[in-house]
Structure formats: C-alpha cells, structure tokens
Amino acid sequence: MTELTVVETPPAPPARDSMRPVILAAVILTVLAVLLGGGIGYLMSSSIEENIARKEKDAAAAATEPPMPTRYTGDIALVNIRPVTANLMSPETVFIRLEASMVLGRETAADAGAVSALSAEISQDILTFLSTLTLAQVQGPAGLQNLREDLNDRVAIRSAGKVHELILETMVVQ
C-alpha cells in the first residue's frame, strides 16, 4: 500500500491583527486633519474679523468726508456725434466703429448750426485718425486710454477749446 504523508499547514494569522495598523493610521490621520482644520479655521476667523472691523471703520470715515467736487458744473451740454466706422491701417481687414459724445458749454450748444458743423468736422477728424491706427495700438486698457487721450487732444485743437471733452461711448473692433 501507499503511505500517506501529512503536511501541516501553518496557522493563518488572525484577521484582527492585520487590520489593527490600518485602523490606527486612519484614526491618527483623522485626528491630525481635525486639529489642522480647527487651527486654520481659528486663524482665518480672526483675520476675517479684522477685515470686517477695518471695512466698517473705512465706511464710517468715508461717510464723514465731504463729497469730491464734480468736474463739470450745470452749464454743460452733451452732444452726440454720428458713429464713425473706419478700416485700421494694419491689418486692413479689421474695422473699428466708434460712438462718442462731445461735452460743450451751454452757450456753444445753443447755436445749432455751429454745433452741427463742429460735429461734422470732428467726425471727419476722428475718421482720418482712426484710419492711421494699427490693431496693436488699440488693444488692451492702455491702448484704449491712449486712443481716448489722442482723440481728446485732436478734438480740443479742432474745436479751438469749445469742446471740453470727448466721451467714448462705444468702441467695436471687428
């Protein structure tokens, strides 16, 4: 007959012993997260309270200050200029459309014929100026500010000081 050989298998480790380090790590990480979250929340709450107190103080100070003087008095008139559309110099396929208004004194605005002629001259001057610009010159906030200043200078020269300011209402570059 054949002989049987008995092989003993080592006992399996208990399931609880293998889970103990994982559970301990999870508990430690949870406690650490709670402590860090609480500390950061405490620090943020104090800075938020300081910001609120500073804003309330600034608002109270602003309420007691006298209002800033206005740039214009009641003796002005706003006159719209017809929209101006022009090709830019570079690239030639790009168009610019500009809508603007002139700020005039009341005595100047009372003469409708002079205002109409002045408006036409300024529109033509704006059209000529816009056709000399490139796209790079009108891009971004600095480009818009430079365009505004250049147009105000040209309008002041063209009107011999009758126009106080040219207000750009709409500018579309397409």
N, C-alpha and C. Protein backbone atom coordinates (compact mmCIF):
# COMPACT_ATOMS: atom_id res chain seq x y z
N MET A 1 0.79 -1.17 0.00
CA MET A 1 0.00 0.00 0.00
C MET A 1 0.85 1.25 0.00
N THR A 2 0.19 2.32 -0.30
CA THR A 2 0.92 3.57 -0.34
C THR A 2 0.84 4.28 0.99
N GLU A 3 1.87 4.94 1.25
CA GLU A 3 1.89 5.67 2.53
C GLU A 3 1.41 7.11 2.32
N LEU A 4 0.73 7.56 3.29
CA LEU A 4 0.22 8.93 3.26
C LEU A 4 1.16 9.83 4.05
N THR A 5 1.43 10.96 3.46
CA THR A 5 2.26 11.92 4.15
C THR A 5 1.37 13.08 4.58
N VAL A 6 1.48 13.42 5.82
CA VAL A 6 0.66 14.51 6.36
C VAL A 6 1.54 15.76 6.42
N VAL A 7 1.08 16.78 5.77
CA VAL A 7 1.81 18.05 5.78
C VAL A 7 1.00 19.02 6.62
N GLU A 8 1.66 19.60 7.57
CA GLU A 8 0.94 20.55 8.43
C GLU A 8 1.04 21.94 7.81
N THR A 9 -0.09 22.62 7.73
CA THR A 9 -0.12 23.98 7.22
C THR A 9 0.01 24.95 8.38
N PRO A 10 0.78 25.99 8.20
CA PRO A 10 0.92 26.93 9.31
C PRO A 10 -0.42 27.61 9.56
N PRO A 11 -0.68 27.96 10.78
CA PRO A 11 -1.96 28.60 11.09
C PRO A 11 -2.03 29.99 10.46
N ALA A 12 -3.20 30.35 9.95
CA ALA A 12 -3.42 31.67 9.34
C ALA A 12 -3.44 32.72 10.42
N PRO A 13 -2.82 33.89 10.15
CA PRO A 13 -2.84 34.94 11.18
C PRO A 13 -4.26 35.44 11.36
N PRO A 14 -4.58 35.81 12.54
CA PRO A 14 -5.94 36.32 12.79
C PRO A 14 -6.18 37.61 11.99
N ALA A 15 -7.41 37.78 11.55
CA ALA A 15 -7.78 38.92 10.72
C ALA A 15 -7.67 40.23 11.49
N ARG A 16 -7.89 40.20 12.78
CA ARG A 16 -7.85 41.43 13.57
C ARG A 16 -6.44 42.00 13.65
N ASP A 17 -5.46 41.20 13.74
CA ASP A 17 -4.09 41.68 13.86
C ASP A 17 -3.64 42.40 12.59
N SER A 18 -4.08 41.96 11.41
CA SER A 18 -3.65 42.60 10.17
C SER A 18 -4.38 43.94 9.96
N MET A 19 -5.54 44.14 10.52
CA MET A 19 -6.31 45.37 10.35
C MET A 19 -5.95 46.43 11.39
N ARG A 20 -5.32 46.03 12.44
CA ARG A 20 -5.01 46.96 13.53
C ARG A 20 -4.13 48.13 13.07
N PRO A 21 -3.02 47.94 12.33
CA PRO A 21 -2.21 49.10 11.90
C PRO A 21 -2.96 50.03 10.95
N VAL A 22 -3.81 49.47 10.09
CA VAL A 22 -4.57 50.30 9.17
C VAL A 22 -5.55 51.18 9.93
N ILE A 23 -6.25 50.60 10.87
CA ILE A 23 -7.21 51.36 11.67
C ILE A 23 -6.50 52.42 12.49
N LEU A 24 -5.36 52.07 13.09
CA LEU A 24 -4.59 53.03 13.89
C LEU A 24 -4.12 54.20 13.02
N ALA A 25 -3.64 53.94 11.80
CA ALA A 25 -3.21 55.01 10.89
C ALA A 25 -4.38 55.90 10.51
N ALA A 26 -5.55 55.31 10.24
CA ALA A 26 -6.73 56.10 9.88
C ALA A 26 -7.16 57.00 11.03
N VAL A 27 -7.12 56.48 12.25
CA VAL A 27 -7.50 57.28 13.42
C VAL A 27 -6.52 58.43 13.62
N ILE A 28 -5.23 58.17 13.48
CA ILE A 28 -4.22 59.22 13.66
C ILE A 28 -4.38 60.31 12.60
N LEU A 29 -4.59 59.90 11.34
CA LEU A 29 -4.77 60.88 10.27
C LEU A 29 -6.04 61.70 10.46
N THR A 30 -7.09 61.08 10.94
CA THR A 30 -8.34 61.80 11.19
C THR A 30 -8.16 62.84 12.28
N VAL A 31 -7.49 62.45 13.37
CA VAL A 31 -7.25 63.39 14.47
C VAL A 31 -6.38 64.54 13.98
N LEU A 32 -5.35 64.26 13.20
CA LEU A 32 -4.48 65.29 12.66
C LEU A 32 -5.26 66.25 11.76
N ALA A 33 -6.13 65.72 10.89
CA ALA A 33 -6.92 66.56 9.99
C ALA A 33 -7.87 67.47 10.77
N VAL A 34 -8.48 66.93 11.83
CA VAL A 34 -9.39 67.75 12.64
C VAL A 34 -8.62 68.86 13.33
N LEU A 35 -7.46 68.56 13.88
CA LEU A 35 -6.67 69.58 14.56
C LEU A 35 -6.18 70.66 13.59
N LEU A 36 -5.67 70.26 12.42
CA LEU A 36 -5.22 71.25 11.45
C LEU A 36 -6.38 72.10 10.92
N GLY A 37 -7.50 71.48 10.62
CA GLY A 37 -8.66 72.23 10.15
C GLY A 37 -9.15 73.22 11.18
N GLY A 38 -9.17 72.81 12.44
CA GLY A 38 -9.59 73.72 13.51
C GLY A 38 -8.62 74.88 13.67
N GLY A 39 -7.32 74.60 13.58
CA GLY A 39 -6.32 75.67 13.71
C GLY A 39 -6.41 76.67 12.58
N ILE A 40 -6.55 76.18 11.36
CA ILE A 40 -6.66 77.09 10.22
C ILE A 40 -7.95 77.89 10.30
N GLY A 41 -9.03 77.25 10.71
CA GLY A 41 -10.30 77.97 10.87
C GLY A 41 -10.20 79.06 11.92
N TYR A 42 -9.50 78.79 13.01
CA TYR A 42 -9.32 79.79 14.07
C TYR A 42 -8.52 80.98 13.53
N LEU A 43 -7.43 80.70 12.80
CA LEU A 43 -6.62 81.78 12.24
C LEU A 43 -7.41 82.60 11.23
N MET A 44 -8.20 81.94 10.38
CA MET A 44 -8.98 82.66 9.38
C MET A 44 -10.08 83.49 10.01
N SER A 45 -10.70 82.98 11.06
CA SER A 45 -11.78 83.74 11.69
C SER A 45 -11.25 85.03 12.30
N SER A 46 -10.06 85.00 12.86
CA SER A 46 -9.52 86.24 13.43
C SER A 46 -9.17 87.24 12.33
N SER A 47 -8.64 86.77 11.19
CA SER A 47 -8.33 87.70 10.11
C SER A 47 -9.60 88.23 9.47
N ILE A 48 -10.64 87.42 9.39
CA ILE A 48 -11.91 87.89 8.84
C ILE A 48 -12.52 88.95 9.74
N GLU A 49 -12.44 88.75 11.04
CA GLU A 49 -12.96 89.75 11.98
C GLU A 49 -12.20 91.07 11.85
N GLU A 50 -10.88 91.00 11.66
CA GLU A 50 -10.08 92.21 11.49
C GLU A 50 -10.47 92.93 10.19
N ASN A 51 -10.69 92.18 9.12
CA ASN A 51 -11.09 92.79 7.85
C ASN A 51 -12.45 93.46 7.95
N ILE A 52 -13.39 92.82 8.63
CA ILE A 52 -14.72 93.41 8.80
C ILE A 52 -14.64 94.69 9.61
N ALA A 53 -13.85 94.66 10.68
CA ALA A 53 -13.71 95.86 11.52
C ALA A 53 -13.06 96.99 10.72
N ARG A 54 -12.05 96.67 9.90
CA ARG A 54 -11.38 97.69 9.11
C ARG A 54 -12.33 98.27 8.06
N LYS A 55 -13.15 97.42 7.42
CA LYS A 55 -14.09 97.92 6.42
C LYS A 55 -15.17 98.79 7.04
N GLU A 56 -15.63 98.43 8.24
CA GLU A 56 -16.62 99.26 8.92
C GLU A 56 -16.02 100.62 9.28
N LYS A 57 -14.76 100.62 9.70
CA LYS A 57 -14.09 101.88 10.04
C LYS A 57 -13.90 102.73 8.79
N ASP A 58 -13.51 102.11 7.67
CA ASP A 58 -13.35 102.84 6.42
C ASP A 58 -14.68 103.41 5.92
N ALA A 59 -15.75 102.64 6.06
CA ALA A 59 -17.07 103.11 5.63
C ALA A 59 -17.52 104.29 6.48
N ALA A 60 -17.25 104.24 7.78
CA ALA A 60 -17.62 105.35 8.65
C ALA A 60 -16.81 106.59 8.31
N ALA A 61 -15.53 106.41 7.99
CA ALA A 61 -14.69 107.55 7.62
C ALA A 61 -15.13 108.14 6.29
N ALA A 62 -15.53 107.29 5.34
CA ALA A 62 -15.98 107.77 4.04
C ALA A 62 -17.30 108.53 4.16
N ALA A 63 -18.14 108.13 5.10
CA ALA A 63 -19.43 108.80 5.27
C ALA A 63 -19.24 110.20 5.84
N THR A 64 -18.19 110.43 6.61
CA THR A 64 -17.98 111.74 7.21
C THR A 64 -17.20 112.69 6.31
N GLU A 65 -16.53 112.16 5.27
CA GLU A 65 -15.78 113.01 4.36
C GLU A 65 -16.73 113.78 3.45
N PRO A 66 -16.37 115.00 3.07
CA PRO A 66 -17.21 115.74 2.14
C PRO A 66 -17.11 115.10 0.75
N PRO A 67 -18.15 115.20 -0.06
CA PRO A 67 -18.10 114.61 -1.40
C PRO A 67 -17.05 115.30 -2.25
N MET A 68 -16.50 114.55 -3.20
CA MET A 68 -15.49 115.10 -4.10
C MET A 68 -16.15 116.12 -5.02
N PRO A 69 -15.44 117.18 -5.35
CA PRO A 69 -16.04 118.16 -6.26
C PRO A 69 -16.22 117.55 -7.64
N THR A 70 -17.31 117.94 -8.30
CA THR A 70 -17.57 117.43 -9.63
C THR A 70 -16.71 118.16 -10.64
N ARG A 71 -16.42 117.49 -11.73
CA ARG A 71 -15.56 118.07 -12.75
C ARG A 71 -16.30 119.14 -13.54
N TYR A 72 -17.59 118.95 -13.73
CA TYR A 72 -18.37 119.87 -14.54
C TYR A 72 -19.49 120.46 -13.68
N THR A 73 -19.85 121.66 -14.03
CA THR A 73 -20.98 122.31 -13.37
C THR A 73 -22.22 122.12 -14.23
N GLY A 74 -23.29 122.77 -13.89
CA GLY A 74 -24.54 122.59 -14.60
C GLY A 74 -24.62 123.29 -15.94
N ASP A 75 -23.59 124.05 -16.33
CA ASP A 75 -23.66 124.80 -17.58
C ASP A 75 -23.00 124.07 -18.74
N ILE A 76 -23.27 122.76 -18.87
CA ILE A 76 -22.71 121.98 -19.97
C ILE A 76 -23.82 121.30 -20.74
N ALA A 77 -23.48 120.86 -21.93
CA ALA A 77 -24.42 120.10 -22.76
C ALA A 77 -23.66 118.94 -23.39
N LEU A 78 -24.34 117.85 -23.56
CA LEU A 78 -23.76 116.65 -24.16
C LEU A 78 -24.35 116.50 -25.56
N VAL A 79 -23.49 116.48 -26.56
CA VAL A 79 -23.93 116.39 -27.96
C VAL A 79 -23.36 115.11 -28.56
N ASN A 80 -24.24 114.26 -29.09
CA ASN A 80 -23.80 113.01 -29.71
C ASN A 80 -23.20 113.29 -31.08
N ILE A 81 -22.18 112.52 -31.40
CA ILE A 81 -21.57 112.56 -32.73
C ILE A 81 -22.03 111.30 -33.46
N ARG A 82 -22.26 111.43 -34.76
CA ARG A 82 -22.64 110.24 -35.53
C ARG A 82 -21.57 109.17 -35.39
N PRO A 83 -21.96 107.89 -35.38
CA PRO A 83 -20.95 106.81 -35.30
C PRO A 83 -19.97 106.88 -36.47
N VAL A 84 -18.72 106.60 -36.17
CA VAL A 84 -17.65 106.64 -37.17
C VAL A 84 -17.14 105.21 -37.36
N THR A 85 -17.08 104.76 -38.62
CA THR A 85 -16.56 103.43 -38.93
C THR A 85 -15.41 103.60 -39.91
N ALA A 86 -14.27 102.92 -39.60
CA ALA A 86 -13.09 103.06 -40.46
C ALA A 86 -12.32 101.76 -40.48
N ASN A 87 -11.54 101.56 -41.54
CA ASN A 87 -10.59 100.45 -41.60
C ASN A 87 -9.35 100.86 -40.83
N LEU A 88 -8.77 99.92 -40.12
CA LEU A 88 -7.48 100.19 -39.49
C LEU A 88 -6.39 100.08 -40.55
N MET A 89 -5.27 100.73 -40.27
CA MET A 89 -4.17 100.70 -41.22
C MET A 89 -3.59 99.29 -41.34
N SER A 90 -3.47 98.61 -40.20
CA SER A 90 -2.90 97.26 -40.23
C SER A 90 -3.58 96.42 -39.18
N PRO A 91 -4.13 95.31 -39.46
CA PRO A 91 -4.43 94.69 -40.74
C PRO A 91 -5.61 95.42 -41.41
N GLU A 92 -5.59 95.44 -42.72
CA GLU A 92 -6.57 96.21 -43.48
C GLU A 92 -7.98 95.63 -43.42
N THR A 93 -8.11 94.38 -43.03
CA THR A 93 -9.43 93.75 -42.98
C THR A 93 -10.15 94.02 -41.67
N VAL A 94 -9.53 94.70 -40.75
CA VAL A 94 -10.13 94.98 -39.45
C VAL A 94 -10.79 96.36 -39.49
N PHE A 95 -12.04 96.40 -39.01
CA PHE A 95 -12.79 97.65 -38.93
C PHE A 95 -12.88 98.10 -37.48
N ILE A 96 -13.02 99.39 -37.29
CA ILE A 96 -13.27 99.94 -35.96
C ILE A 96 -14.47 100.87 -36.07
N ARG A 97 -15.39 100.72 -35.12
CA ARG A 97 -16.58 101.58 -35.06
C ARG A 97 -16.55 102.29 -33.72
N LEU A 98 -16.72 103.60 -33.77
CA LEU A 98 -16.61 104.41 -32.58
C LEU A 98 -17.83 105.31 -32.45
N GLU A 99 -18.46 105.27 -31.29
CA GLU A 99 -19.55 106.18 -30.98
C GLU A 99 -19.09 107.06 -29.83
N ALA A 100 -19.29 108.37 -29.96
CA ALA A 100 -18.78 109.31 -28.97
C ALA A 100 -19.75 110.47 -28.79
N SER A 101 -19.51 111.22 -27.72
CA SER A 101 -20.28 112.43 -27.45
C SER A 101 -19.31 113.53 -27.06
N MET A 102 -19.70 114.76 -27.36
CA MET A 102 -18.88 115.93 -27.00
C MET A 102 -19.51 116.62 -25.80
N VAL A 103 -18.69 117.08 -24.91
CA VAL A 103 -19.14 117.90 -23.78
C VAL A 103 -18.85 119.35 -24.15
N LEU A 104 -19.92 120.12 -24.29
CA LEU A 104 -19.81 121.53 -24.69
C LEU A 104 -20.39 122.42 -23.60
N GLY A 105 -20.01 123.68 -23.64
CA GLY A 105 -20.65 124.67 -22.79
C GLY A 105 -22.04 124.99 -23.34
N ARG A 106 -22.94 125.44 -22.48
CA ARG A 106 -24.32 125.72 -22.91
C ARG A 106 -24.37 126.79 -23.99
N GLU A 107 -23.53 127.81 -23.88
CA GLU A 107 -23.57 128.89 -24.87
C GLU A 107 -23.14 128.39 -26.24
N THR A 108 -22.20 127.45 -26.28
CA THR A 108 -21.78 126.88 -27.56
C THR A 108 -22.86 125.96 -28.11
N ALA A 109 -23.49 125.18 -27.24
CA ALA A 109 -24.51 124.22 -27.67
C ALA A 109 -25.79 124.91 -28.12
N ALA A 110 -26.00 126.17 -27.73
CA ALA A 110 -27.22 126.87 -28.11
C ALA A 110 -27.24 127.17 -29.62
N ASP A 111 -26.09 127.32 -30.24
CA ASP A 111 -26.03 127.60 -31.68
C ASP A 111 -26.02 126.27 -32.42
N ALA A 112 -27.19 125.86 -32.93
CA ALA A 112 -27.35 124.54 -33.55
C ALA A 112 -26.50 124.41 -34.81
N GLY A 113 -26.39 125.46 -35.60
CA GLY A 113 -25.61 125.41 -36.82
C GLY A 113 -24.12 125.20 -36.53
N ALA A 114 -23.62 125.91 -35.53
CA ALA A 114 -22.20 125.77 -35.17
C ALA A 114 -21.93 124.39 -34.61
N VAL A 115 -22.86 123.86 -33.83
CA VAL A 115 -22.68 122.52 -33.26
C VAL A 115 -22.70 121.48 -34.36
N SER A 116 -23.59 121.62 -35.33
CA SER A 116 -23.66 120.67 -36.43
C SER A 116 -22.37 120.68 -37.24
N ALA A 117 -21.87 121.87 -37.55
CA ALA A 117 -20.63 121.98 -38.31
C ALA A 117 -19.45 121.43 -37.51
N LEU A 118 -19.41 121.74 -36.23
CA LEU A 118 -18.33 121.25 -35.36
C LEU A 118 -18.38 119.73 -35.25
N SER A 119 -19.57 119.18 -35.14
CA SER A 119 -19.74 117.74 -35.06
C SER A 119 -19.26 117.06 -36.34
N ALA A 120 -19.57 117.64 -37.49
CA ALA A 120 -19.13 117.06 -38.76
C ALA A 120 -17.61 117.13 -38.89
N GLU A 121 -17.01 118.24 -38.50
CA GLU A 121 -15.55 118.38 -38.58
C GLU A 121 -14.86 117.38 -37.65
N ILE A 122 -15.39 117.22 -36.47
CA ILE A 122 -14.79 116.29 -35.51
C ILE A 122 -14.97 114.85 -35.98
N SER A 123 -16.13 114.53 -36.55
CA SER A 123 -16.34 113.17 -37.09
C SER A 123 -15.33 112.87 -38.18
N GLN A 124 -15.11 113.83 -39.07
CA GLN A 124 -14.14 113.64 -40.15
C GLN A 124 -12.72 113.50 -39.60
N ASP A 125 -12.39 114.28 -38.60
CA ASP A 125 -11.07 114.20 -37.99
C ASP A 125 -10.86 112.85 -37.30
N ILE A 126 -11.89 112.36 -36.61
CA ILE A 126 -11.82 111.05 -35.95
C ILE A 126 -11.65 109.96 -37.00
N LEU A 127 -12.41 110.03 -38.10
CA LEU A 127 -12.30 109.05 -39.17
C LEU A 127 -10.89 109.01 -39.74
N THR A 128 -10.31 110.17 -39.98
CA THR A 128 -8.95 110.24 -40.52
C THR A 128 -7.95 109.66 -39.53
N PHE A 129 -8.12 109.97 -38.27
CA PHE A 129 -7.19 109.48 -37.25
C PHE A 129 -7.31 107.97 -37.08
N LEU A 130 -8.53 107.44 -37.06
CA LEU A 130 -8.71 106.00 -36.88
C LEU A 130 -8.11 105.19 -38.02
N SER A 131 -8.10 105.75 -39.22
CA SER A 131 -7.54 105.02 -40.36
C SER A 131 -6.02 104.96 -40.33
N THR A 132 -5.39 105.67 -39.41
CA THR A 132 -3.93 105.62 -39.28
C THR A 132 -3.47 104.68 -38.17
N LEU A 133 -4.41 104.07 -37.45
CA LEU A 133 -4.06 103.21 -36.32
C LEU A 133 -3.86 101.77 -36.74
N THR A 134 -3.09 101.06 -35.94
CA THR A 134 -2.95 99.61 -36.12
C THR A 134 -3.71 98.92 -35.00
N LEU A 135 -3.95 97.65 -35.18
CA LEU A 135 -4.68 96.89 -34.17
C LEU A 135 -3.94 96.87 -32.84
N ALA A 136 -2.64 96.78 -32.87
CA ALA A 136 -1.85 96.74 -31.64
C ALA A 136 -1.99 98.03 -30.84
N GLN A 137 -2.24 99.16 -31.51
CA GLN A 137 -2.35 100.44 -30.81
C GLN A 137 -3.65 100.59 -30.04
N VAL A 138 -4.68 99.83 -30.37
CA VAL A 138 -5.96 99.97 -29.67
C VAL A 138 -6.29 98.79 -28.78
N GLN A 139 -5.36 97.83 -28.65
CA GLN A 139 -5.62 96.66 -27.82
C GLN A 139 -5.35 96.96 -26.36
N GLY A 140 -6.19 96.41 -25.52
CA GLY A 140 -5.99 96.47 -24.08
C GLY A 140 -6.37 97.81 -23.47
N PRO A 141 -6.31 97.88 -22.14
CA PRO A 141 -6.66 99.11 -21.45
C PRO A 141 -5.74 100.28 -21.78
N ALA A 142 -4.45 100.00 -21.93
CA ALA A 142 -3.51 101.08 -22.25
C ALA A 142 -3.79 101.63 -23.64
N GLY A 143 -4.12 100.76 -24.57
CA GLY A 143 -4.45 101.21 -25.92
C GLY A 143 -5.70 102.07 -25.94
N LEU A 144 -6.71 101.66 -25.18
CA LEU A 144 -7.94 102.45 -25.10
C LEU A 144 -7.68 103.82 -24.46
N GLN A 145 -6.88 103.85 -23.42
CA GLN A 145 -6.57 105.12 -22.75
C GLN A 145 -5.78 106.03 -23.70
N ASN A 146 -4.82 105.48 -24.42
CA ASN A 146 -4.05 106.29 -25.37
C ASN A 146 -4.95 106.82 -26.48
N LEU A 147 -5.85 105.99 -26.98
CA LEU A 147 -6.79 106.43 -28.01
C LEU A 147 -7.67 107.57 -27.49
N ARG A 148 -8.15 107.41 -26.29
CA ARG A 148 -9.00 108.43 -25.68
C ARG A 148 -8.25 109.76 -25.54
N GLU A 149 -7.01 109.70 -25.05
CA GLU A 149 -6.22 110.92 -24.89
C GLU A 149 -5.90 111.56 -26.23
N ASP A 150 -5.54 110.75 -27.22
CA ASP A 150 -5.23 111.29 -28.55
C ASP A 150 -6.45 111.97 -29.17
N LEU A 151 -7.61 111.31 -29.04
CA LEU A 151 -8.82 111.90 -29.61
C LEU A 151 -9.20 113.18 -28.88
N ASN A 152 -9.05 113.21 -27.57
CA ASN A 152 -9.35 114.44 -26.81
C ASN A 152 -8.43 115.58 -27.24
N ASP A 153 -7.15 115.28 -27.46
CA ASP A 153 -6.23 116.32 -27.92
C ASP A 153 -6.63 116.84 -29.30
N ARG A 154 -6.97 115.93 -30.20
CA ARG A 154 -7.36 116.34 -31.55
C ARG A 154 -8.64 117.16 -31.53
N VAL A 155 -9.60 116.75 -30.70
CA VAL A 155 -10.87 117.48 -30.61
C VAL A 155 -10.66 118.86 -30.01
N ALA A 156 -9.81 118.96 -29.02
CA ALA A 156 -9.53 120.27 -28.42
C ALA A 156 -8.90 121.22 -29.44
N ILE A 157 -8.01 120.70 -30.26
CA ILE A 157 -7.38 121.53 -31.30
C ILE A 157 -8.40 121.91 -32.37
N ARG A 158 -9.19 120.92 -32.83
CA ARG A 158 -10.16 121.16 -33.90
C ARG A 158 -11.23 122.15 -33.46
N SER A 159 -11.66 122.09 -32.22
CA SER A 159 -12.76 122.95 -31.76
C SER A 159 -12.29 124.26 -31.16
N ALA A 160 -11.00 124.48 -31.10
CA ALA A 160 -10.41 125.68 -30.50
C ALA A 160 -10.87 125.85 -29.05
N GLY A 161 -10.94 124.73 -28.34
CA GLY A 161 -11.26 124.77 -26.91
C GLY A 161 -12.75 124.81 -26.59
N LYS A 162 -13.62 124.78 -27.59
CA LYS A 162 -15.06 124.82 -27.33
C LYS A 162 -15.56 123.49 -26.75
N VAL A 163 -14.92 122.39 -27.14
CA VAL A 163 -15.31 121.08 -26.63
C VAL A 163 -14.44 120.79 -25.41
N HIS A 164 -15.10 120.56 -24.27
CA HIS A 164 -14.36 120.29 -23.03
C HIS A 164 -13.75 118.89 -23.03
N GLU A 165 -14.51 117.93 -23.56
CA GLU A 165 -14.04 116.55 -23.54
C GLU A 165 -14.82 115.75 -24.58
N LEU A 166 -14.18 114.71 -25.09
CA LEU A 166 -14.83 113.76 -25.98
C LEU A 166 -15.02 112.48 -25.17
N ILE A 167 -16.24 112.05 -25.03
CA ILE A 167 -16.54 110.85 -24.26
C ILE A 167 -16.78 109.70 -25.22
N LEU A 168 -15.94 108.66 -25.09
CA LEU A 168 -16.12 107.47 -25.93
C LEU A 168 -17.21 106.62 -25.31
N GLU A 169 -18.27 106.41 -26.05
CA GLU A 169 -19.38 105.61 -25.54
C GLU A 169 -19.25 104.15 -25.93
N THR A 170 -18.92 103.89 -27.18
CA THR A 170 -18.80 102.51 -27.67
C THR A 170 -17.66 102.43 -28.65
N MET A 171 -16.87 101.37 -28.51
CA MET A 171 -15.83 101.09 -29.49
C MET A 171 -15.88 99.61 -29.82
N VAL A 172 -16.05 99.29 -31.10
CA VAL A 172 -16.07 97.90 -31.55
C VAL A 172 -14.99 97.72 -32.58
N VAL A 173 -14.14 96.74 -32.36
CA VAL A 173 -13.10 96.40 -33.33
C VAL A 173 -13.46 95.03 -33.87
N GLN A 174 -13.58 94.94 -35.18
CA GLN A 174 -14.04 93.69 -35.80
C GLN A 174 -13.19 93.36 -36.99
